[in-house]
N, C-alpha and C. Protein backbone atom coordinates (compact mmCIF):
# COMPACT_ATOMS: atom_id res chain seq x y z
N MET A 1 250.29 360.67 33.91
CA MET A 1 251.37 359.91 34.55
C MET A 1 251.18 358.43 34.24
N ASN A 2 252.26 357.75 33.93
CA ASN A 2 252.22 356.33 33.60
C ASN A 2 251.98 355.53 34.88
N PRO A 3 250.86 354.75 34.97
CA PRO A 3 250.61 353.99 36.18
C PRO A 3 251.65 352.91 36.42
N ALA A 4 252.33 352.50 35.37
CA ALA A 4 253.36 351.47 35.53
C ALA A 4 254.65 352.05 36.06
N GLY A 5 254.73 353.38 36.19
CA GLY A 5 255.93 354.01 36.73
C GLY A 5 257.10 353.88 35.78
N PRO A 6 258.29 354.20 36.29
CA PRO A 6 259.47 354.07 35.44
C PRO A 6 259.72 352.59 35.14
N ALA A 7 260.28 352.34 33.98
CA ALA A 7 260.61 350.96 33.63
C ALA A 7 261.64 350.44 34.60
N GLY A 8 261.48 349.20 35.00
CA GLY A 8 262.42 348.64 35.96
C GLY A 8 262.72 347.19 35.64
N ARG A 9 263.69 346.67 36.35
CA ARG A 9 264.04 345.25 36.24
C ARG A 9 263.32 344.55 37.39
N ILE A 10 262.48 343.57 37.05
CA ILE A 10 261.63 342.92 38.04
C ILE A 10 261.88 341.41 38.05
N ALA A 11 261.99 340.85 39.24
CA ALA A 11 262.08 339.40 39.41
C ALA A 11 260.73 338.92 39.92
N VAL A 12 260.19 337.89 39.29
CA VAL A 12 258.91 337.32 39.68
C VAL A 12 259.15 335.91 40.19
N ILE A 13 258.65 335.63 41.41
CA ILE A 13 258.75 334.29 41.99
C ILE A 13 257.34 333.82 42.28
N HIS A 14 256.98 332.71 41.70
CA HIS A 14 255.66 332.12 41.94
C HIS A 14 255.81 330.61 41.83
N GLU A 15 255.11 329.87 42.68
CA GLU A 15 255.23 328.41 42.65
C GLU A 15 254.58 327.81 41.42
N ASP A 16 253.65 328.55 40.80
CA ASP A 16 252.98 328.09 39.59
C ASP A 16 253.63 328.79 38.39
N SER A 17 254.33 328.02 37.56
CA SER A 17 255.07 328.62 36.45
C SER A 17 254.15 329.35 35.47
N LYS A 18 252.92 328.87 35.27
CA LYS A 18 251.99 329.56 34.38
C LYS A 18 251.59 330.91 34.95
N ARG A 19 251.35 330.98 36.24
CA ARG A 19 251.01 332.26 36.88
C ARG A 19 252.21 333.20 36.83
N ALA A 20 253.41 332.67 37.04
CA ALA A 20 254.61 333.50 36.97
C ALA A 20 254.76 334.11 35.59
N GLU A 21 254.54 333.31 34.55
CA GLU A 21 254.65 333.82 33.18
C GLU A 21 253.55 334.82 32.86
N ALA A 22 252.34 334.59 33.41
CA ALA A 22 251.24 335.54 33.19
C ALA A 22 251.57 336.89 33.85
N LEU A 23 252.11 336.86 35.06
CA LEU A 23 252.53 338.10 35.73
C LEU A 23 253.63 338.78 34.93
N ALA A 24 254.60 337.99 34.49
CA ALA A 24 255.71 338.53 33.70
C ALA A 24 255.20 339.18 32.42
N HIS A 25 254.22 338.56 31.78
CA HIS A 25 253.67 339.11 30.55
C HIS A 25 253.03 340.48 30.80
N VAL A 26 252.24 340.60 31.86
CA VAL A 26 251.62 341.89 32.20
C VAL A 26 252.69 342.95 32.43
N LEU A 27 253.72 342.59 33.15
CA LEU A 27 254.78 343.55 33.47
C LEU A 27 255.62 343.90 32.23
N ARG A 28 255.90 342.92 31.40
CA ARG A 28 256.67 343.19 30.17
C ARG A 28 255.88 344.10 29.23
N THR A 29 254.57 343.88 29.16
CA THR A 29 253.72 344.71 28.31
C THR A 29 253.79 346.17 28.73
N ALA A 30 254.02 346.41 30.03
CA ALA A 30 254.13 347.77 30.56
C ALA A 30 255.54 348.34 30.39
N GLY A 31 256.47 347.56 29.79
CA GLY A 31 257.80 348.07 29.51
C GLY A 31 258.88 347.67 30.49
N HIS A 32 258.56 346.78 31.42
CA HIS A 32 259.56 346.34 32.40
C HIS A 32 260.35 345.15 31.87
N ARG A 33 261.59 345.03 32.34
CA ARG A 33 262.38 343.82 32.06
C ARG A 33 262.09 342.85 33.19
N VAL A 34 261.66 341.66 32.85
CA VAL A 34 261.20 340.71 33.87
C VAL A 34 261.96 339.39 33.77
N ASP A 35 262.42 338.92 34.91
CA ASP A 35 263.02 337.60 35.02
C ASP A 35 262.11 336.75 35.90
N VAL A 36 261.72 335.59 35.41
CA VAL A 36 260.96 334.65 36.22
C VAL A 36 261.98 333.76 36.92
N VAL A 37 261.94 333.76 38.24
CA VAL A 37 262.87 332.98 39.04
C VAL A 37 262.15 331.72 39.51
N VAL A 38 262.71 330.58 39.20
CA VAL A 38 262.11 329.30 39.55
C VAL A 38 262.41 328.98 41.01
N PRO A 39 261.36 328.70 41.80
CA PRO A 39 261.60 328.35 43.21
C PRO A 39 262.52 327.14 43.33
N GLY A 40 263.37 327.19 44.33
CA GLY A 40 264.31 326.10 44.56
C GLY A 40 265.34 326.51 45.59
N ARG A 41 266.35 325.69 45.74
CA ARG A 41 267.36 325.90 46.77
C ARG A 41 268.11 327.23 46.65
N LYS A 42 268.49 327.60 45.46
CA LYS A 42 269.33 328.79 45.27
C LYS A 42 268.51 329.99 44.81
N ILE A 43 267.28 330.05 45.25
CA ILE A 43 266.38 331.10 44.79
C ILE A 43 266.87 332.49 45.19
N VAL A 44 267.36 332.64 46.41
CA VAL A 44 267.84 333.95 46.86
C VAL A 44 269.03 334.37 46.01
N GLN A 45 269.96 333.46 45.73
CA GLN A 45 271.12 333.78 44.92
C GLN A 45 270.71 334.16 43.51
N GLN A 46 269.70 333.48 42.96
CA GLN A 46 269.21 333.83 41.62
C GLN A 46 268.67 335.25 41.59
N VAL A 47 267.92 335.61 42.63
CA VAL A 47 267.37 336.97 42.70
C VAL A 47 268.49 337.98 42.83
N VAL A 48 269.42 337.73 43.75
CA VAL A 48 270.54 338.64 43.98
C VAL A 48 271.38 338.81 42.72
N ASP A 49 271.65 337.73 42.01
CA ASP A 49 272.45 337.81 40.79
C ASP A 49 271.78 338.67 39.72
N GLY A 50 270.45 338.68 39.70
CA GLY A 50 269.72 339.48 38.72
C GLY A 50 269.62 340.95 39.08
N THR A 51 270.00 341.31 40.29
CA THR A 51 269.92 342.69 40.82
C THR A 51 268.66 343.43 40.35
N PRO A 52 267.50 342.92 40.74
CA PRO A 52 266.26 343.57 40.31
C PRO A 52 265.98 344.86 41.08
N ASP A 53 265.15 345.70 40.49
CA ASP A 53 264.65 346.89 41.17
C ASP A 53 263.47 346.53 42.05
N LEU A 54 262.77 345.45 41.67
CA LEU A 54 261.57 345.03 42.37
C LEU A 54 261.48 343.52 42.35
N LEU A 55 261.07 342.96 43.48
CA LEU A 55 260.82 341.53 43.59
C LEU A 55 259.33 341.35 43.83
N VAL A 56 258.67 340.56 42.98
CA VAL A 56 257.27 340.22 43.16
C VAL A 56 257.24 338.74 43.53
N ALA A 57 256.78 338.43 44.74
CA ALA A 57 256.82 337.06 45.23
C ALA A 57 255.45 336.62 45.74
N SER A 58 255.10 335.38 45.47
CA SER A 58 253.85 334.82 45.96
C SER A 58 254.02 334.36 47.39
N LEU A 59 253.01 334.65 48.21
CA LEU A 59 253.04 334.25 49.61
C LEU A 59 252.79 332.76 49.77
N THR A 60 252.34 332.10 48.73
CA THR A 60 252.02 330.68 48.83
C THR A 60 253.24 329.78 48.65
N LEU A 61 254.39 330.35 48.45
CA LEU A 61 255.61 329.55 48.36
C LEU A 61 255.83 328.81 49.68
N ILE A 62 256.30 327.59 49.58
CA ILE A 62 256.49 326.80 50.80
C ILE A 62 257.96 326.61 51.11
N ASP A 63 258.75 326.18 50.13
CA ASP A 63 260.16 325.89 50.41
C ASP A 63 261.03 326.48 49.31
N PRO A 64 261.73 327.53 49.57
CA PRO A 64 261.78 328.26 50.84
C PRO A 64 260.57 329.17 51.00
N SER A 65 260.35 329.59 52.22
CA SER A 65 259.20 330.45 52.52
C SER A 65 259.46 331.87 52.02
N PRO A 66 258.39 332.61 51.77
CA PRO A 66 258.57 334.01 51.36
C PRO A 66 259.39 334.81 52.37
N SER A 67 259.19 334.54 53.67
CA SER A 67 259.94 335.27 54.69
C SER A 67 261.43 335.02 54.56
N SER A 68 261.83 333.77 54.34
CA SER A 68 263.26 333.49 54.22
C SER A 68 263.83 334.09 52.94
N ILE A 69 263.04 334.11 51.87
CA ILE A 69 263.50 334.73 50.62
C ILE A 69 263.70 336.23 50.82
N VAL A 70 262.71 336.87 51.42
CA VAL A 70 262.79 338.32 51.64
C VAL A 70 263.97 338.65 52.55
N ARG A 71 264.14 337.90 53.64
CA ARG A 71 265.27 338.15 54.54
C ARG A 71 266.60 337.99 53.82
N GLY A 72 266.72 336.93 53.02
CA GLY A 72 267.96 336.69 52.28
C GLY A 72 268.27 337.79 51.29
N VAL A 73 267.25 338.24 50.57
CA VAL A 73 267.44 339.32 49.59
C VAL A 73 267.80 340.62 50.30
N ARG A 74 267.13 340.91 51.43
CA ARG A 74 267.44 342.13 52.19
C ARG A 74 268.86 342.10 52.75
N GLN A 75 269.29 340.93 53.22
CA GLN A 75 270.66 340.81 53.74
C GLN A 75 271.68 341.04 52.64
N ALA A 76 271.39 340.56 51.45
CA ALA A 76 272.35 340.68 50.35
C ALA A 76 272.32 342.04 49.68
N LEU A 77 271.12 342.62 49.51
CA LEU A 77 270.99 343.84 48.73
C LEU A 77 270.52 345.05 49.53
N GLY A 78 270.26 344.90 50.80
CA GLY A 78 269.79 346.03 51.61
C GLY A 78 268.38 346.43 51.24
N ALA A 79 268.12 347.73 51.23
CA ALA A 79 266.78 348.24 50.96
C ALA A 79 266.39 348.10 49.49
N ASP A 80 267.36 347.87 48.62
CA ASP A 80 267.06 347.58 47.22
C ASP A 80 267.05 346.07 47.09
N PRO A 81 266.17 345.51 46.44
CA PRO A 81 265.05 346.04 45.68
C PRO A 81 263.82 346.24 46.56
N ARG A 82 262.81 346.88 46.01
CA ARG A 82 261.51 346.95 46.66
C ARG A 82 260.90 345.55 46.56
N ILE A 83 260.04 345.21 47.51
CA ILE A 83 259.45 343.87 47.52
C ILE A 83 257.94 343.96 47.63
N LEU A 84 257.25 343.31 46.68
CA LEU A 84 255.80 343.23 46.65
C LEU A 84 255.42 341.77 46.81
N VAL A 85 254.62 341.47 47.83
CA VAL A 85 254.20 340.11 48.10
C VAL A 85 252.74 339.94 47.69
N LEU A 86 252.46 338.89 46.93
CA LEU A 86 251.10 338.56 46.50
C LEU A 86 250.56 337.49 47.45
N TYR A 87 249.30 337.65 47.87
CA TYR A 87 248.73 336.66 48.78
C TYR A 87 247.31 336.31 48.35
N ASN A 88 246.87 335.14 48.79
CA ASN A 88 245.50 334.70 48.55
C ASN A 88 244.68 334.72 49.82
N PHE A 89 245.32 334.44 50.93
CA PHE A 89 244.58 334.23 52.15
C PHE A 89 244.81 335.34 53.16
N ASP A 90 245.70 335.14 54.08
CA ASP A 90 245.89 336.08 55.19
C ASP A 90 247.13 336.94 54.98
N PRO A 91 246.94 338.24 54.75
CA PRO A 91 248.12 339.09 54.52
C PRO A 91 248.98 339.25 55.76
N HIS A 92 248.49 338.83 56.91
CA HIS A 92 249.30 338.94 58.14
C HIS A 92 250.47 337.98 58.12
N ASP A 93 250.43 337.00 57.21
CA ASP A 93 251.54 336.07 57.06
C ASP A 93 252.64 336.65 56.17
N ALA A 94 252.40 337.81 55.60
CA ALA A 94 253.40 338.43 54.71
C ALA A 94 254.63 338.80 55.51
N PRO A 95 255.80 338.67 54.92
CA PRO A 95 257.03 339.05 55.61
C PRO A 95 256.98 340.53 56.00
N PRO A 96 257.35 340.85 57.23
CA PRO A 96 257.31 342.26 57.64
C PRO A 96 258.27 343.14 56.85
N GLU A 97 259.28 342.54 56.22
CA GLU A 97 260.24 343.31 55.44
C GLU A 97 259.69 343.70 54.07
N ALA A 98 258.53 343.16 53.68
CA ALA A 98 257.95 343.48 52.38
C ALA A 98 257.51 344.94 52.36
N ASP A 99 257.65 345.57 51.21
CA ASP A 99 257.27 346.97 51.06
C ASP A 99 255.78 347.14 50.79
N ASP A 100 255.15 346.10 50.24
CA ASP A 100 253.72 346.18 49.93
C ASP A 100 253.20 344.76 49.77
N VAL A 101 251.90 344.59 50.02
CA VAL A 101 251.25 343.31 49.79
C VAL A 101 250.03 343.56 48.92
N LEU A 102 249.70 342.57 48.10
CA LEU A 102 248.61 342.71 47.15
C LEU A 102 247.83 341.41 47.09
N LYS A 103 246.53 341.50 47.36
CA LYS A 103 245.68 340.31 47.27
C LYS A 103 245.50 339.99 45.80
N GLY A 104 245.74 338.75 45.47
CA GLY A 104 245.67 338.37 44.07
C GLY A 104 245.10 337.00 43.86
N GLU A 105 245.26 336.52 42.64
CA GLU A 105 244.86 335.19 42.23
C GLU A 105 243.34 335.04 42.22
N PRO A 106 242.64 335.46 41.23
CA PRO A 106 243.23 336.10 40.06
C PRO A 106 243.56 337.56 40.35
N LEU A 107 244.63 338.00 39.79
CA LEU A 107 245.16 339.32 40.05
C LEU A 107 244.67 340.30 38.99
N GLU A 108 244.26 341.46 39.43
CA GLU A 108 243.86 342.52 38.50
C GLU A 108 245.13 343.14 37.93
N ALA A 109 245.30 343.09 36.62
CA ALA A 109 246.51 343.62 35.98
C ALA A 109 246.69 345.10 36.27
N ALA A 110 245.61 345.87 36.24
CA ALA A 110 245.72 347.31 36.48
C ALA A 110 246.23 347.58 37.89
N GLU A 111 245.71 346.84 38.86
CA GLU A 111 246.15 347.04 40.25
C GLU A 111 247.63 346.67 40.40
N LEU A 112 248.04 345.58 39.76
CA LEU A 112 249.45 345.19 39.81
C LEU A 112 250.33 346.30 39.25
N LEU A 113 249.95 346.84 38.11
CA LEU A 113 250.77 347.89 37.48
C LEU A 113 250.81 349.16 38.32
N ILE A 114 249.71 349.49 38.96
CA ILE A 114 249.69 350.67 39.84
C ILE A 114 250.63 350.47 41.02
N ARG A 115 250.54 349.31 41.66
CA ARG A 115 251.41 349.04 42.83
C ARG A 115 252.88 348.99 42.43
N VAL A 116 253.17 348.32 41.32
CA VAL A 116 254.55 348.23 40.83
C VAL A 116 255.06 349.63 40.50
N GLY A 117 254.24 350.42 39.82
CA GLY A 117 254.64 351.78 39.47
C GLY A 117 254.94 352.63 40.69
N ARG A 118 254.09 352.52 41.72
CA ARG A 118 254.32 353.29 42.94
C ARG A 118 255.63 352.88 43.61
N LEU A 119 255.88 351.58 43.70
CA LEU A 119 257.10 351.10 44.34
C LEU A 119 258.34 351.54 43.56
N LEU A 120 258.28 351.47 42.24
CA LEU A 120 259.43 351.87 41.42
C LEU A 120 259.66 353.38 41.47
N ARG A 121 258.57 354.16 41.50
CA ARG A 121 258.72 355.62 41.63
C ARG A 121 259.33 355.97 42.98
N ASP A 122 258.83 355.34 44.05
CA ASP A 122 259.39 355.58 45.38
C ASP A 122 260.87 355.24 45.43
N GLN A 123 261.22 354.12 44.80
CA GLN A 123 262.62 353.70 44.78
C GLN A 123 263.48 354.71 44.01
N ALA A 124 263.00 355.17 42.87
CA ALA A 124 263.76 356.14 42.07
C ALA A 124 263.96 357.43 42.86
N GLU A 125 262.91 357.88 43.54
CA GLU A 125 263.03 359.10 44.36
C GLU A 125 264.02 358.89 45.50
N ARG A 126 263.98 357.71 46.13
CA ARG A 126 264.91 357.42 47.22
C ARG A 126 266.35 357.41 46.72
N ARG A 127 266.56 356.86 45.53
CA ARG A 127 267.92 356.83 44.97
C ARG A 127 268.42 358.23 44.68
N VAL A 128 267.56 359.11 44.17
CA VAL A 128 267.95 360.51 43.92
C VAL A 128 268.32 361.18 45.24
N LEU A 129 267.51 360.98 46.28
CA LEU A 129 267.80 361.58 47.58
C LEU A 129 269.12 361.04 48.16
N GLN A 130 269.36 359.73 48.00
CA GLN A 130 270.60 359.16 48.49
C GLN A 130 271.80 359.77 47.77
N LYS A 131 271.67 359.97 46.46
CA LYS A 131 272.77 360.56 45.69
C LYS A 131 273.03 361.99 46.14
N LYS A 132 271.97 362.77 46.30
CA LYS A 132 272.13 364.16 46.74
C LYS A 132 272.72 364.21 48.15
N THR A 133 272.29 363.32 49.02
CA THR A 133 272.83 363.28 50.38
C THR A 133 274.32 362.95 50.35
N SER A 134 274.69 362.01 49.50
CA SER A 134 276.09 361.64 49.36
C SER A 134 276.92 362.82 48.84
N GLU A 135 276.37 363.54 47.86
CA GLU A 135 277.07 364.71 47.32
C GLU A 135 277.24 365.78 48.39
N LEU A 136 276.19 366.04 49.15
CA LEU A 136 276.27 367.04 50.22
C LEU A 136 277.27 366.63 51.30
N LEU A 137 277.30 365.35 51.62
CA LEU A 137 278.27 364.87 52.60
C LEU A 137 279.69 365.07 52.09
N GLY A 138 279.90 364.81 50.80
CA GLY A 138 281.23 365.03 50.21
C GLY A 138 281.63 366.50 50.27
N LEU A 139 280.69 367.40 49.96
CA LEU A 139 280.98 368.84 50.06
C LEU A 139 281.28 369.25 51.49
N TYR A 140 280.53 368.71 52.42
CA TYR A 140 280.76 369.01 53.84
C TYR A 140 282.16 368.58 54.26
N LYS A 141 282.54 367.35 53.89
CA LYS A 141 283.87 366.85 54.26
C LYS A 141 284.97 367.70 53.63
N MET A 142 284.75 368.11 52.36
CA MET A 142 285.75 368.92 51.68
C MET A 142 285.86 370.30 52.35
N SER A 143 284.73 370.90 52.67
CA SER A 143 284.77 372.22 53.31
C SER A 143 285.40 372.13 54.69
N TRP A 144 285.13 371.06 55.39
CA TRP A 144 285.72 370.86 56.71
C TRP A 144 287.24 370.73 56.59
N ALA A 145 287.72 370.00 55.58
CA ALA A 145 289.16 369.85 55.37
C ALA A 145 289.81 371.21 55.05
N PHE A 146 289.13 372.02 54.22
CA PHE A 146 289.67 373.33 53.90
C PHE A 146 289.71 374.23 55.13
N SER A 147 288.69 374.17 55.94
CA SER A 147 288.67 375.03 57.13
C SER A 147 289.76 374.61 58.11
N LEU A 148 290.03 373.32 58.23
CA LEU A 148 291.11 372.86 59.10
C LEU A 148 292.48 373.25 58.55
N ALA A 149 292.62 373.20 57.24
CA ALA A 149 293.90 373.54 56.61
C ALA A 149 294.20 375.03 56.76
N GLY A 150 293.16 375.86 56.85
CA GLY A 150 293.36 377.31 56.95
C GLY A 150 293.66 377.78 58.36
N GLY A 151 293.56 376.89 59.35
CA GLY A 151 293.81 377.27 60.73
C GLY A 151 292.64 378.00 61.35
N ALA A 152 292.85 378.52 62.53
CA ALA A 152 291.79 379.18 63.29
C ALA A 152 291.35 380.47 62.61
N ASP A 153 292.27 381.18 61.93
CA ASP A 153 291.91 382.45 61.27
C ASP A 153 290.96 382.24 60.10
N ALA A 154 291.06 381.10 59.44
CA ALA A 154 290.20 380.82 58.28
C ALA A 154 288.78 380.62 58.75
């Protein structure tokens, strides 16, 4: 099994552009499409516009804070994308909406790829289940309409 999981579109946010590019390089080498998002005022909009499958964000961001970024992305995109927060100090400061946290800096590339792979696999499985649930709901509604059209005898 590929530890990097299915290839995905990943947004990387880090206050240090060199670290962001290093993370992006590791992820690109594993076959992912990666956008490095520069911290700033419209950071949430940049992430939303890229419609990533996964957001990798550093907890050391100050303005805007990781919590406000995660909240903004969740409000705009719902449960997609998955969110992985990187931290150096106290993981208790991680946004509660994050799907996973990873102690880094320096970050182990293998550990990053394993966590990213797990999050992307979970997301792919969730999307399949959502599609099947939607299909079953459609069949249920259709069968209900047919039973109503047939009257009590049907």
